[in-house]
Amino acid sequence: MPTLGASGLPVLQGVVRWFDLKAGSGMISRDDTGEDVFFNFTAIPGEGYRIVQAGTQVKFELVEGRYGLTARNVQIQPS
């Protein structure tokens, strides 16, 4: 699993608000501002199709994507 922040990107915490299984994407509510950040299942390290449940605590790197702020390297945090 890639180390968070190793690429120099900011590392944030948040909670998955929703994840659409068909689209393979979802939104994370940032802990610091409450702002929503988009992510795709490909942002979750691993092989194959990966999913995450709403309400899951995560840490992630924040990047400016083509359509706005996007999460990458999304890592589930132990509860």
N, C-alpha and C. Protein backbone atom coordinates (compact mmCIF):
# COMPACT_ATOMS: atom_id res chain seq x y z
N MET A 1 0.85 -1.17 0.00
CA MET A 1 0.00 0.00 0.00
C MET A 1 0.90 1.24 0.00
N PRO A 2 0.63 2.18 -0.89
CA PRO A 2 1.45 3.39 -0.96
C PRO A 2 1.36 4.20 0.35
N THR A 3 2.48 4.77 0.75
CA THR A 3 2.51 5.58 1.96
C THR A 3 1.80 6.90 1.70
N LEU A 4 0.87 7.25 2.59
CA LEU A 4 0.15 8.52 2.45
C LEU A 4 1.11 9.70 2.59
N GLY A 5 1.01 10.65 1.68
CA GLY A 5 1.82 11.86 1.73
C GLY A 5 3.21 11.72 1.15
N ALA A 6 3.62 10.52 0.75
CA ALA A 6 4.96 10.32 0.21
C ALA A 6 5.18 11.13 -1.07
N SER A 7 4.10 11.40 -1.79
CA SER A 7 4.21 12.14 -3.05
C SER A 7 4.19 13.66 -2.82
N GLY A 8 4.10 14.08 -1.57
CA GLY A 8 4.07 15.51 -1.27
C GLY A 8 2.68 16.11 -1.29
N LEU A 9 1.66 15.31 -1.58
CA LEU A 9 0.28 15.81 -1.60
C LEU A 9 -0.27 15.90 -0.17
N PRO A 10 -1.20 16.83 0.07
CA PRO A 10 -1.78 16.93 1.41
C PRO A 10 -2.58 15.67 1.75
N VAL A 11 -2.48 15.24 3.02
CA VAL A 11 -3.21 14.08 3.52
C VAL A 11 -4.32 14.57 4.43
N LEU A 12 -5.55 14.10 4.15
CA LEU A 12 -6.72 14.51 4.92
C LEU A 12 -7.45 13.29 5.44
N GLN A 13 -8.36 13.53 6.39
CA GLN A 13 -9.23 12.48 6.92
C GLN A 13 -10.65 12.84 6.58
N GLY A 14 -11.49 11.82 6.51
CA GLY A 14 -12.89 12.06 6.26
C GLY A 14 -13.71 10.80 6.42
N VAL A 15 -14.99 10.92 6.08
CA VAL A 15 -15.93 9.81 6.16
C VAL A 15 -16.58 9.64 4.79
N VAL A 16 -16.66 8.41 4.33
CA VAL A 16 -17.33 8.14 3.05
C VAL A 16 -18.82 8.44 3.23
N ARG A 17 -19.33 9.38 2.44
CA ARG A 17 -20.76 9.73 2.50
C ARG A 17 -21.59 8.72 1.75
N TRP A 18 -21.13 8.35 0.54
CA TRP A 18 -21.82 7.34 -0.26
C TRP A 18 -20.86 6.76 -1.28
N PHE A 19 -21.21 5.57 -1.74
CA PHE A 19 -20.44 4.90 -2.78
C PHE A 19 -21.42 4.16 -3.68
N ASP A 20 -21.39 4.46 -4.97
CA ASP A 20 -22.29 3.85 -5.95
C ASP A 20 -21.59 2.65 -6.59
N LEU A 21 -22.11 1.45 -6.32
CA LEU A 21 -21.48 0.24 -6.83
C LEU A 21 -21.45 0.18 -8.35
N LYS A 22 -22.52 0.62 -9.00
CA LYS A 22 -22.59 0.56 -10.46
C LYS A 22 -21.59 1.51 -11.11
N ALA A 23 -21.50 2.73 -10.56
CA ALA A 23 -20.59 3.73 -11.14
C ALA A 23 -19.15 3.55 -10.65
N GLY A 24 -18.98 2.91 -9.49
CA GLY A 24 -17.64 2.72 -8.94
C GLY A 24 -17.04 4.01 -8.41
N SER A 25 -17.91 4.92 -7.96
CA SER A 25 -17.42 6.19 -7.43
C SER A 25 -18.25 6.62 -6.23
N GLY A 26 -17.72 7.60 -5.51
CA GLY A 26 -18.42 8.07 -4.32
C GLY A 26 -17.90 9.42 -3.87
N MET A 27 -18.34 9.81 -2.68
CA MET A 27 -17.94 11.09 -2.09
C MET A 27 -17.47 10.87 -0.66
N ILE A 28 -16.44 11.64 -0.31
CA ILE A 28 -15.90 11.65 1.05
C ILE A 28 -16.17 13.03 1.62
N SER A 29 -16.70 13.09 2.84
CA SER A 29 -16.87 14.35 3.55
C SER A 29 -15.60 14.60 4.37
N ARG A 30 -14.91 15.69 4.05
CA ARG A 30 -13.66 16.03 4.76
C ARG A 30 -13.94 16.35 6.22
N ASP A 31 -13.09 15.85 7.13
CA ASP A 31 -13.23 16.14 8.55
C ASP A 31 -12.94 17.62 8.86
N ASP A 32 -12.02 18.22 8.11
CA ASP A 32 -11.59 19.59 8.44
C ASP A 32 -12.59 20.66 8.01
N THR A 33 -13.24 20.48 6.87
CA THR A 33 -14.15 21.52 6.36
C THR A 33 -15.57 21.03 6.12
N GLY A 34 -15.77 19.72 6.09
CA GLY A 34 -17.07 19.16 5.75
C GLY A 34 -17.34 19.15 4.26
N GLU A 35 -16.41 19.71 3.48
CA GLU A 35 -16.54 19.75 2.02
C GLU A 35 -16.48 18.34 1.45
N ASP A 36 -17.24 18.09 0.39
CA ASP A 36 -17.24 16.79 -0.27
C ASP A 36 -16.12 16.69 -1.30
N VAL A 37 -15.50 15.51 -1.34
CA VAL A 37 -14.43 15.22 -2.29
C VAL A 37 -14.80 13.94 -3.05
N PHE A 38 -14.75 14.00 -4.37
CA PHE A 38 -15.06 12.86 -5.23
C PHE A 38 -13.93 11.83 -5.18
N PHE A 39 -14.28 10.55 -5.33
CA PHE A 39 -13.26 9.52 -5.54
C PHE A 39 -13.84 8.40 -6.39
N ASN A 40 -12.96 7.69 -7.07
CA ASN A 40 -13.30 6.54 -7.89
C ASN A 40 -12.70 5.31 -7.22
N PHE A 41 -13.27 4.14 -7.47
CA PHE A 41 -12.75 2.92 -6.83
C PHE A 41 -11.27 2.70 -7.14
N THR A 42 -10.78 3.24 -8.26
CA THR A 42 -9.36 3.08 -8.60
C THR A 42 -8.45 3.85 -7.64
N ALA A 43 -9.03 4.76 -6.82
CA ALA A 43 -8.25 5.52 -5.83
C ALA A 43 -7.98 4.69 -4.57
N ILE A 44 -8.64 3.52 -4.46
CA ILE A 44 -8.44 2.64 -3.32
C ILE A 44 -7.36 1.63 -3.71
N PRO A 45 -6.21 1.62 -3.01
CA PRO A 45 -5.14 0.69 -3.39
C PRO A 45 -5.61 -0.76 -3.37
N GLY A 46 -5.14 -1.53 -4.33
CA GLY A 46 -5.47 -2.95 -4.39
C GLY A 46 -5.72 -3.40 -5.81
N GLU A 47 -6.08 -4.65 -5.95
CA GLU A 47 -6.33 -5.25 -7.25
C GLU A 47 -7.83 -5.49 -7.43
N GLY A 48 -8.27 -5.47 -8.68
CA GLY A 48 -9.67 -5.77 -8.97
C GLY A 48 -10.60 -4.62 -8.58
N TYR A 49 -11.88 -4.93 -8.54
CA TYR A 49 -12.90 -3.94 -8.21
C TYR A 49 -12.97 -3.79 -6.69
N ARG A 50 -12.76 -2.57 -6.19
CA ARG A 50 -12.72 -2.33 -4.76
C ARG A 50 -13.91 -1.47 -4.35
N ILE A 51 -14.48 -1.76 -3.18
CA ILE A 51 -15.61 -0.97 -2.68
C ILE A 51 -15.35 -0.52 -1.25
N VAL A 52 -16.12 0.47 -0.83
CA VAL A 52 -16.05 0.95 0.55
C VAL A 52 -17.47 1.35 0.95
N GLN A 53 -17.82 1.07 2.18
CA GLN A 53 -19.17 1.33 2.67
C GLN A 53 -19.30 2.78 3.16
N ALA A 54 -20.51 3.33 3.00
CA ALA A 54 -20.81 4.66 3.56
C ALA A 54 -20.59 4.60 5.07
N GLY A 55 -20.05 5.69 5.63
CA GLY A 55 -19.78 5.77 7.05
C GLY A 55 -18.39 5.32 7.44
N THR A 56 -17.60 4.82 6.49
CA THR A 56 -16.25 4.35 6.76
C THR A 56 -15.28 5.52 6.90
N GLN A 57 -14.47 5.51 7.96
CA GLN A 57 -13.42 6.52 8.16
C GLN A 57 -12.26 6.21 7.22
N VAL A 58 -11.78 7.24 6.53
CA VAL A 58 -10.66 7.06 5.59
C VAL A 58 -9.67 8.20 5.71
N LYS A 59 -8.45 7.95 5.26
CA LYS A 59 -7.44 8.98 5.03
C LYS A 59 -7.16 8.94 3.54
N PHE A 60 -6.79 10.09 2.98
CA PHE A 60 -6.59 10.16 1.53
C PHE A 60 -5.71 11.35 1.18
N GLU A 61 -5.17 11.31 -0.04
CA GLU A 61 -4.42 12.43 -0.59
C GLU A 61 -5.37 13.26 -1.44
N LEU A 62 -5.21 14.55 -1.39
CA LEU A 62 -6.08 15.47 -2.12
C LEU A 62 -5.35 16.01 -3.35
N VAL A 63 -6.00 15.87 -4.52
CA VAL A 63 -5.44 16.37 -5.76
C VAL A 63 -6.48 17.21 -6.49
N GLU A 64 -6.01 18.13 -7.30
CA GLU A 64 -6.89 18.93 -8.15
C GLU A 64 -7.04 18.17 -9.46
N GLY A 65 -8.23 17.64 -9.70
CA GLY A 65 -8.49 16.88 -10.91
C GLY A 65 -9.12 17.76 -11.98
N ARG A 66 -9.44 17.14 -13.07
CA ARG A 66 -10.04 17.84 -14.21
C ARG A 66 -11.34 18.54 -13.82
N TYR A 67 -12.10 17.92 -12.90
CA TYR A 67 -13.41 18.45 -12.52
C TYR A 67 -13.46 18.98 -11.09
N GLY A 68 -12.30 19.22 -10.48
CA GLY A 68 -12.27 19.75 -9.12
C GLY A 68 -11.46 18.84 -8.21
N LEU A 69 -11.65 19.03 -6.91
CA LEU A 69 -10.89 18.26 -5.93
C LEU A 69 -11.28 16.79 -5.98
N THR A 70 -10.25 15.95 -5.94
CA THR A 70 -10.42 14.51 -6.04
C THR A 70 -9.52 13.84 -5.00
N ALA A 71 -10.01 12.72 -4.45
CA ALA A 71 -9.21 11.94 -3.49
C ALA A 71 -8.48 10.84 -4.24
N ARG A 72 -7.26 10.57 -3.81
CA ARG A 72 -6.53 9.42 -4.33
C ARG A 72 -5.83 8.74 -3.17
N ASN A 73 -5.37 7.51 -3.37
CA ASN A 73 -4.73 6.73 -2.33
C ASN A 73 -5.64 6.70 -1.08
N VAL A 74 -6.90 6.34 -1.29
CA VAL A 74 -7.90 6.29 -0.21
C VAL A 74 -7.64 5.05 0.64
N GLN A 75 -7.37 5.25 1.94
CA GLN A 75 -7.04 4.13 2.82
C GLN A 75 -8.01 4.10 3.99
N ILE A 76 -8.65 2.93 4.17
CA ILE A 76 -9.61 2.74 5.25
C ILE A 76 -8.87 2.75 6.57
N GLN A 77 -9.43 3.47 7.56
CA GLN A 77 -8.82 3.57 8.88
C GLN A 77 -9.52 2.63 9.84
N PRO A 78 -8.76 2.03 10.75
CA PRO A 78 -9.39 1.15 11.75
C PRO A 78 -10.32 1.96 12.64
N SER A 79 -11.43 1.35 13.05
CA SER A 79 -12.39 2.09 13.89
C SER A 79 -12.09 1.94 15.36
